[in-house]
C-alpha atoms as a PDB file:
ATOM      1  CA  UNK A   1       0.212   0.039  -0.048  1.00  0.00           C
ATOM      2  CA  UNK A   2       2.971   2.272   0.908  1.00  0.00           C
ATOM      3  CA  UNK A   3       4.533   1.385  -2.561  1.00  0.00           C
ATOM      4  CA  UNK A   4       1.379   2.238  -4.663  1.00  0.00           C
ATOM      5  CA  UNK A   5       1.101   5.433  -2.828  1.00  0.00           C
ATOM      6  CA  UNK A   6       4.455   6.553  -3.430  1.00  0.00           C
ATOM      7  CA  UNK A   7       4.066   5.640  -7.183  1.00  0.00           C
ATOM      8  CA  UNK A   8       0.975   7.893  -7.517  1.00  0.00           C
ATOM      9  CA  UNK A   9       2.987  10.707  -5.673  1.00  0.00           C
ATOM     10  CA  UNK A  10       5.925  10.519  -8.222  1.00  0.00           C
ATOM     11  CA  UNK A  11       3.438  10.229 -10.990  1.00  0.00           C
ATOM     12  CA  UNK A  12       1.457  13.137  -9.639  1.00  0.00           C
ATOM     13  CA  UNK A  13       4.797  15.213  -9.684  1.00  0.00           C
ATOM     14  CA  UNK A  14       5.788  14.011 -13.312  1.00  0.00           C
ATOM     15  CA  UNK A  15       2.529  15.028 -14.838  1.00  0.00           C
ATOM     16  CA  UNK A  16       2.587  18.433 -13.054  1.00  0.00           C
ATOM     17  CA  UNK A  17       6.071  19.137 -14.188  1.00  0.00           C
ATOM     18  CA  UNK A  18       5.484  18.289 -17.597  1.00  0.00           C
ATOM     19  CA  UNK A  19       2.206  20.470 -17.548  1.00  0.00           C
ATOM     20  CA  UNK A  20       4.097  23.567 -16.297  1.00  0.00           C
ATOM     21  CA  UNK A  21       6.682  23.003 -18.845  1.00  0.00           C
ATOM     22  CA  UNK A  22       3.987  22.927 -21.705  1.00  0.00           C
ATOM     23  CA  UNK A  23       2.918  26.086 -20.523  1.00  0.00           C
ATOM     24  CA  UNK A  24       6.162  27.839 -20.402  1.00  0.00           C
ATOM     25  CA  UNK A  25       6.767  28.366 -16.752  1.00  0.00           C
ATOM     26  CA  UNK A  26      10.315  29.204 -15.772  1.00  0.00           C
ATOM     27  CA  UNK A  27      12.488  26.298 -14.430  1.00  0.00           C
ATOM     28  CA  UNK A  28      12.832  27.861 -10.979  1.00  0.00           C
ATOM     29  CA  UNK A  29       9.322  28.075 -10.460  1.00  0.00           C
ATOM     30  CA  UNK A  30       8.778  24.537 -11.164  1.00  0.00           C
ATOM     31  CA  UNK A  31      11.290  23.559  -8.992  1.00  0.00           C
ATOM     32  CA  UNK A  32       9.828  25.551  -5.995  1.00  0.00           C
ATOM     33  CA  UNK A  33       6.481  23.889  -6.746  1.00  0.00           C
ATOM     34  CA  UNK A  34       7.816  20.869  -6.903  1.00  0.00           C
ATOM     35  CA  UNK A  35       9.557  21.193  -3.630  1.00  0.00           C
ATOM     36  CA  UNK A  36       6.495  22.232  -1.927  1.00  0.00           C
ATOM     37  CA  UNK A  37       4.560  19.092  -3.508  1.00  0.00           C
ATOM     38  CA  UNK A  38       6.927  16.527  -2.428  1.00  0.00           C
ATOM     39  CA  UNK A  39       7.051  18.402   1.052  1.00  0.00           C
ATOM     40  CA  UNK A  40       3.117  18.316   1.144  1.00  0.00           C
ATOM     41  CA  UNK A  41       2.940  14.721   0.290  1.00  0.00           C
ATOM     42  CA  UNK A  42       6.035  12.769   1.247  1.00  0.00           C
ATOM     43  CA  UNK A  43       7.351  15.035   4.592  1.00  0.00           C
ATOM     44  CA  UNK A  44       4.690  16.650   6.195  1.00  0.00           C
ATOM     45  CA  UNK A  45       2.513  13.478   6.888  1.00  0.00           C
ATOM     46  CA  UNK A  46       5.249  12.107   8.842  1.00  0.00           C
ATOM     47  CA  UNK A  47       5.719  15.218  10.878  1.00  0.00           C
ATOM     48  CA  UNK A  48       2.056  15.440  11.717  1.00  0.00           C
ATOM     49  CA  UNK A  49       2.118  12.030  13.024  1.00  0.00           C
ATOM     50  CA  UNK A  50       5.154  12.194  14.983  1.00  0.00           C
ATOM     51  CA  UNK A  51       4.583  15.746  16.500  1.00  0.00           C
ATOM     52  CA  UNK A  52       0.654  16.817  15.901  1.00  0.00           C
ATOM     53  CA  UNK A  53      -1.944  14.215  15.522  1.00  0.00           C
ATOM     54  CA  UNK A  54      -4.053  12.525  18.427  1.00  0.00           C
ATOM     55  CA  UNK A  55      -5.052   9.631  16.751  1.00  0.00           C
ATOM     56  CA  UNK A  56      -2.892   6.813  18.332  1.00  0.00           C
ATOM     57  CA  UNK A  57      -4.035   4.169  15.782  1.00  0.00           C
ATOM     58  CA  UNK A  58      -2.287   6.447  13.248  1.00  0.00           C
ATOM     59  CA  UNK A  59       0.772   6.669  15.440  1.00  0.00           C
ATOM     60  CA  UNK A  60       0.951   2.873  15.928  1.00  0.00           C
ATOM     61  CA  UNK A  61       0.551   2.317  12.098  1.00  0.00           C
ATOM     62  CA  UNK A  62       3.522   4.667  11.668  1.00  0.00           C
ATOM     63  CA  UNK A  63       5.756   3.113  14.297  1.00  0.00           C
ATOM     64  CA  UNK A  64       4.889  -0.616  12.880  1.00  0.00           C
ATOM     65  CA  UNK A  65       5.963   0.530   9.668  1.00  0.00           C
ATOM     66  CA  UNK A  66       9.531   2.208  10.569  1.00  0.00           C
ATOM     67  CA  UNK A  67      10.300  -0.469  13.141  1.00  0.00           C
ATOM     68  CA  UNK A  68      13.708  -0.453  11.569  1.00  0.00           C
ATOM     69  CA  UNK A  69      14.483   3.048  13.356  1.00  0.00           C
ATOM     70  CA  UNK A  70      15.854   2.290  16.707  1.00  0.00           C
ATOM     71  CA  UNK A  71      13.483   5.030  18.231  1.00  0.00           C
ATOM     72  CA  UNK A  72      10.488   4.137  16.536  1.00  0.00           C
ATOM     73  CA  UNK A  73      10.890   0.394  17.463  1.00  0.00           C
ATOM     74  CA  UNK A  74      11.506   1.255  20.958  1.00  0.00           C
ATOM     75  CA  UNK A  75       8.262   3.406  21.376  1.00  0.00           C
ATOM     76  CA  UNK A  76       6.362   0.736  19.682  1.00  0.00           C
ATOM     77  CA  UNK A  77       7.658  -1.830  22.324  1.00  0.00           C
ATOM     78  CA  UNK A  78       6.520   0.050  25.077  1.00  0.00           C
ATOM     79  CA  UNK A  79       3.436  -0.633  24.151  1.00  0.00           C
ATOM     80  CA  UNK A  80       3.577  -4.133  22.758  1.00  0.00           C
ATOM     81  CA  UNK A  81       7.102  -5.868  23.173  1.00  0.00           C
ATOM     82  CA  UNK A  82       8.329  -7.656  26.347  1.00  0.00           C
ATOM     83  CA  UNK A  83      11.029  -6.205  28.991  1.00  0.00           C
ATOM     84  CA  UNK A  84      13.513  -7.845  27.593  1.00  0.00           C
ATOM     85  CA  UNK A  85      13.103  -6.371  24.089  1.00  0.00           C
ATOM     86  CA  UNK A  86      12.732  -3.200  25.547  1.00  0.00           C
ATOM     87  CA  UNK A  87      16.173  -3.619  27.424  1.00  0.00           C
ATOM     88  CA  UNK A  88      17.785  -4.747  24.449  1.00  0.00           C
ATOM     89  CA  UNK A  89      16.825  -1.527  21.875  1.00  0.00           C
ATOM     90  CA  UNK A  90      17.511   0.846  24.969  1.00  0.00           C
ATOM     91  CA  UNK A  91      20.974  -0.525  24.908  1.00  0.00           C
ATOM     92  CA  UNK A  92      21.451  -0.136  21.309  1.00  0.00           C
ATOM     93  CA  UNK A  93      19.928   3.224  21.444  1.00  0.00           C
ATOM     94  CA  UNK A  94      22.302   4.343  24.176  1.00  0.00           C
ATOM     95  CA  UNK A  95      25.207   3.158  22.063  1.00  0.00           C
ATOM     96  CA  UNK A  96      24.174   5.277  19.268  1.00  0.00           C
ATOM     97  CA  UNK A  97      22.602   8.477  20.994  1.00  0.00           C
ATOM     98  CA  UNK A  98      25.461  10.900  22.050  1.00  0.00           C
ATOM     99  CA  UNK A  99      22.986  13.891  22.671  1.00  0.00           C
ATOM    100  CA  UNK A 100      23.489  14.674  26.229  1.00  0.00           C
ATOM    101  CA  UNK A 101      19.788  14.867  26.924  1.00  0.00           C
ATOM    102  CA  UNK A 102      18.714  11.312  24.756  1.00  0.00           C
ATOM    103  CA  UNK A 103      21.940   9.645  26.152  1.00  0.00           C
ATOM    104  CA  UNK A 104      21.385  10.143  29.859  1.00  0.00           C
ATOM    105  CA  UNK A 105      17.684  10.188  29.194  1.00  0.00           C
ATOM    106  CA  UNK A 106      17.738   6.365  27.890  1.00  0.00           C
ATOM    107  CA  UNK A 107      20.405   5.485  30.232  1.00  0.00           C
ATOM    108  CA  UNK A 108      18.199   6.331  33.183  1.00  0.00           C
ATOM    109  CA  UNK A 109      15.184   4.346  31.432  1.00  0.00           C
ATOM    110  CA  UNK A 110      17.643   1.127  30.857  1.00  0.00           C
ATOM    111  CA  UNK A 111      18.541   1.327  34.631  1.00  0.00           C
ATOM    112  CA  UNK A 112      14.899   1.765  35.843  1.00  0.00           C
ATOM    113  CA  UNK A 113      13.771  -1.428  33.724  1.00  0.00           C
ATOM    114  CA  UNK A 114      16.047  -3.196  35.777  1.00  0.00           C
ATOM    115  CA  UNK A 115      14.990  -1.577  39.386  1.00  0.00           C
ATOM    116  CA  UNK A 116      18.606   0.112  39.623  1.00  0.00           C
ATOM    117  CA  UNK A 117      17.157   3.193  41.026  1.00  0.00           C
ATOM    118  CA  UNK A 118      20.072   5.075  42.332  1.00  0.00           C
ATOM    119  CA  UNK A 119      21.564   4.613  39.034  1.00  0.00           C
ATOM    120  CA  UNK A 120      18.674   5.842  37.066  1.00  0.00           C
ATOM    121  CA  UNK A 121      18.527   8.931  39.469  1.00  0.00           C
ATOM    122  CA  UNK A 122      22.354   9.267  38.906  1.00  0.00           C
ATOM    123  CA  UNK A 123      21.907   9.174  35.126  1.00  0.00           C
ATOM    124  CA  UNK A 124      18.637  11.374  35.128  1.00  0.00           C
ATOM    125  CA  UNK A 125      20.534  14.074  36.925  1.00  0.00           C
ATOM    126  CA  UNK A 126      23.081  14.742  33.957  1.00  0.00           C
ATOM    127  CA  UNK A 127      20.472  15.451  31.545  1.00  0.00           C
ATOM    128  CA  UNK A 128      21.255  19.237  30.714  1.00  0.00           C
ATOM    129  CA  UNK A 129      17.445  19.909  29.792  1.00  0.00           C
ATOM    130  CA  UNK A 130      15.862  20.812  33.463  1.00  0.00           C
ATOM    131  CA  UNK A 131      12.251  20.041  32.773  1.00  0.00           C
ATOM    132  CA  UNK A 132      13.190  16.650  31.032  1.00  0.00           C
ATOM    133  CA  UNK A 133      15.686  16.153  34.053  1.00  0.00           C
ATOM    134  CA  UNK A 134      13.016  16.733  36.816  1.00  0.00           C
ATOM    135  CA  UNK A 135      10.526  14.700  34.847  1.00  0.00           C
ATOM    136  CA  UNK A 136      12.852  11.951  34.560  1.00  0.00           C
ATOM    137  CA  UNK A 137      13.989  11.774  38.218  1.00  0.00           C
ATOM    138  CA  UNK A 138      10.242  12.386  39.244  1.00  0.00           C
ATOM    139  CA  UNK A 139       9.463   9.400  37.198  1.00  0.00           C
ATOM    140  CA  UNK A 140      12.009   7.098  38.613  1.00  0.00           C
ATOM    141  CA  UNK A 141      11.056   8.094  42.372  1.00  0.00           C
ATOM    142  CA  UNK A 142       7.425   7.154  41.453  1.00  0.00           C
ATOM    143  CA  UNK A 143       8.645   3.692  40.368  1.00  0.00           C
ATOM    144  CA  UNK A 144      10.675   3.720  43.603  1.00  0.00           C
ATOM    145  CA  UNK A 145       7.720   4.212  45.625  1.00  0.00           C
ATOM    146  CA  UNK A 146       9.162   7.562  46.964  1.00  0.00           C
ATOM    147  CA  UNK A 147       6.167   9.697  46.497  1.00  0.00           C
ATOM    148  CA  UNK A 148       6.892  12.634  48.843  1.00  0.00           C
ATOM    149  CA  UNK A 149      10.751  13.401  46.742  1.00  0.00           C
ATOM    150  CA  UNK A 150       8.594  12.898  43.689  1.00  0.00           C
ATOM    151  CA  UNK A 151       6.219  15.550  44.734  1.00  0.00           C
ATOM    152  CA  UNK A 152       8.801  17.978  45.117  1.00  0.00           C
ATOM    153  CA  UNK A 153      10.194  17.079  41.848  1.00  0.00           C
ATOM    154  CA  UNK A 154       7.310  17.439  39.874  1.00  0.00           C
ATOM    155  CA  UNK A 155       6.276  21.192  41.552  1.00  0.00           C
ATOM    156  CA  UNK A 156       9.342  22.176  39.584  1.00  0.00           C
ATOM    157  CA  UNK A 157       7.994  21.443  36.518  1.00  0.00           C
ATOM    158  CA  UNK A 158       5.769  24.006  34.562  1.00  0.00           C
ATOM    159  CA  UNK A 159       2.072  22.912  34.074  1.00  0.00           C
ATOM    160  CA  UNK A 160       2.173  20.779  30.645  1.00  0.00           C
ATOM    161  CA  UNK A 161       1.550  17.350  29.739  1.00  0.00           C
ATOM    162  CA  UNK A 162       4.475  15.990  31.747  1.00  0.00           C
ATOM    163  CA  UNK A 163       3.549  17.367  34.821  1.00  0.00           C
ATOM    164  CA  UNK A 164      -0.225  16.328  34.392  1.00  0.00           C
ATOM    165  CA  UNK A 165       1.523  12.725  33.460  1.00  0.00           C
ATOM    166  CA  UNK A 166       3.574  12.523  36.478  1.00  0.00           C
ATOM    167  CA  UNK A 167       0.565  13.617  38.910  1.00  0.00           C
ATOM    168  CA  UNK A 168      -1.494  10.900  37.206  1.00  0.00           C
ATOM    169  CA  UNK A 169       0.775   8.254  38.252  1.00  0.00           C
ATOM    170  CA  UNK A 170       1.543   9.546  41.628  1.00  0.00           C
ATOM    171  CA  UNK A 171      -2.468   9.697  42.365  1.00  0.00           C
ATOM    172  CA  UNK A 172      -2.450   6.126  41.050  1.00  0.00           C
ATOM    173  CA  UNK A 173       0.115   4.963  43.084  1.00  0.00           C
ATOM    174  CA  UNK A 174      -1.876   6.141  46.147  1.00  0.00           C
ATOM    175  CA  UNK A 175      -5.119   4.596  44.564  1.00  0.00           C
ATOM    176  CA  UNK A 176      -6.370   8.263  44.262  1.00  0.00           C
ATOM    177  CA  UNK A 177      -8.724   7.235  41.460  1.00  0.00           C
ATOM    178  CA  UNK A 178     -10.374  10.139  40.677  1.00  0.00           C
ATOM    179  CA  UNK A 179      -7.639  12.346  40.680  1.00  0.00           C
ATOM    180  CA  UNK A 180      -5.744  10.081  38.510  1.00  0.00           C
ATOM    181  CA  UNK A 181      -8.755   9.942  35.888  1.00  0.00           C
ATOM    182  CA  UNK A 182      -8.366  14.109  35.955  1.00  0.00           C
ATOM    183  CA  UNK A 183      -4.591  14.199  35.456  1.00  0.00           C
ATOM    184  CA  UNK A 184      -4.927  11.633  32.869  1.00  0.00           C
ATOM    185  CA  UNK A 185      -7.284  13.631  31.181  1.00  0.00           C
ATOM    186  CA  UNK A 186      -5.444  16.564  31.255  1.00  0.00           C
ATOM    187  CA  UNK A 187      -2.139  15.045  30.189  1.00  0.00           C
ATOM    188  CA  UNK A 188      -3.518  13.109  27.142  1.00  0.00           C
ATOM    189  CA  UNK A 189      -5.733  16.726  26.180  1.00  0.00           C
ATOM    190  CA  UNK A 190      -2.177  18.492  26.106  1.00  0.00           C
ATOM    191  CA  UNK A 191      -0.327  16.022  24.442  1.00  0.00           C
ATOM    192  CA  UNK A 192       0.250  15.098  20.855  1.00  0.00           C
ATOM    193  CA  UNK A 193       2.016  12.896  18.900  1.00  0.00           C
ATOM    194  CA  UNK A 194       4.385  10.091  19.450  1.00  0.00           C
ATOM    195  CA  UNK A 195       4.542  11.698  23.195  1.00  0.00           C
ATOM    196  CA  UNK A 196       0.603  11.304  23.461  1.00  0.00           C
ATOM    197  CA  UNK A 197       0.703   7.736  22.164  1.00  0.00           C
ATOM    198  CA  UNK A 198       3.406   6.765  24.898  1.00  0.00           C
ATOM    199  CA  UNK A 199       1.621   8.121  27.908  1.00  0.00           C
ATOM    200  CA  UNK A 200      -1.973   6.560  26.574  1.00  0.00           C
ATOM    201  CA  UNK A 201      -0.167   3.030  26.666  1.00  0.00           C
ATOM    202  CA  UNK A 202       1.165   4.014  30.002  1.00  0.00           C
ATOM    203  CA  UNK A 203      -2.111   4.690  31.472  1.00  0.00           C
ATOM    204  CA  UNK A 204      -3.622   1.845  30.252  1.00  0.00           C
ATOM    205  CA  UNK A 205      -1.374  -0.319  31.988  1.00  0.00           C
ATOM    206  CA  UNK A 206      -2.375   1.024  35.125  1.00  0.00           C
ATOM    207  CA  UNK A 207      -4.424  -1.577  36.836  1.00  0.00           C
ATOM    208  CA  UNK A 208      -7.399   0.347  38.652  1.00  0.00           C
ATOM    209  CA  UNK A 209      -8.980  -1.372  41.413  1.00  0.00           C
END
């Protein structure tokens, strides 16, 4: 299906170029229009799916068709694959990702999967981005069961989907179901793309009693 779509897109580009040449349009204008056409039909749909959509099914189809890329495969694995598979993917990502924010975030995530909470905190503290650092540290503390420390950390975050996500998980850990549902709704409302897909599946794994 994907190949058929590409054939039609390139066929449309060819026909458009031929038409524009026939009517005497200058090559520079043809190039600009062709670039815009290809961006609109080839690049923008992926950008919309990754960053803008609220359609989790659309994101899942995108992740399934792009599992050859480590980050997309890992995101898909969070929702559907085993802990062992997630660990394997994280090890590969840590080796590849050298940007400090990504490198230490994924190192912290890898340590957390093995319940190595002290190591997870240590790696999280090395994340340069302040919001991501506090978010990651608070998430580790929630999983550790250290709710007082998690509460302090999440208060340092601006009001955003990240803060609402942590407040939802904190409420769930204390079985405050109404508060959990309220913050879940707020987080999903303010989040889009792959981030929304990830926290949606995270919330679905919470077993409400």
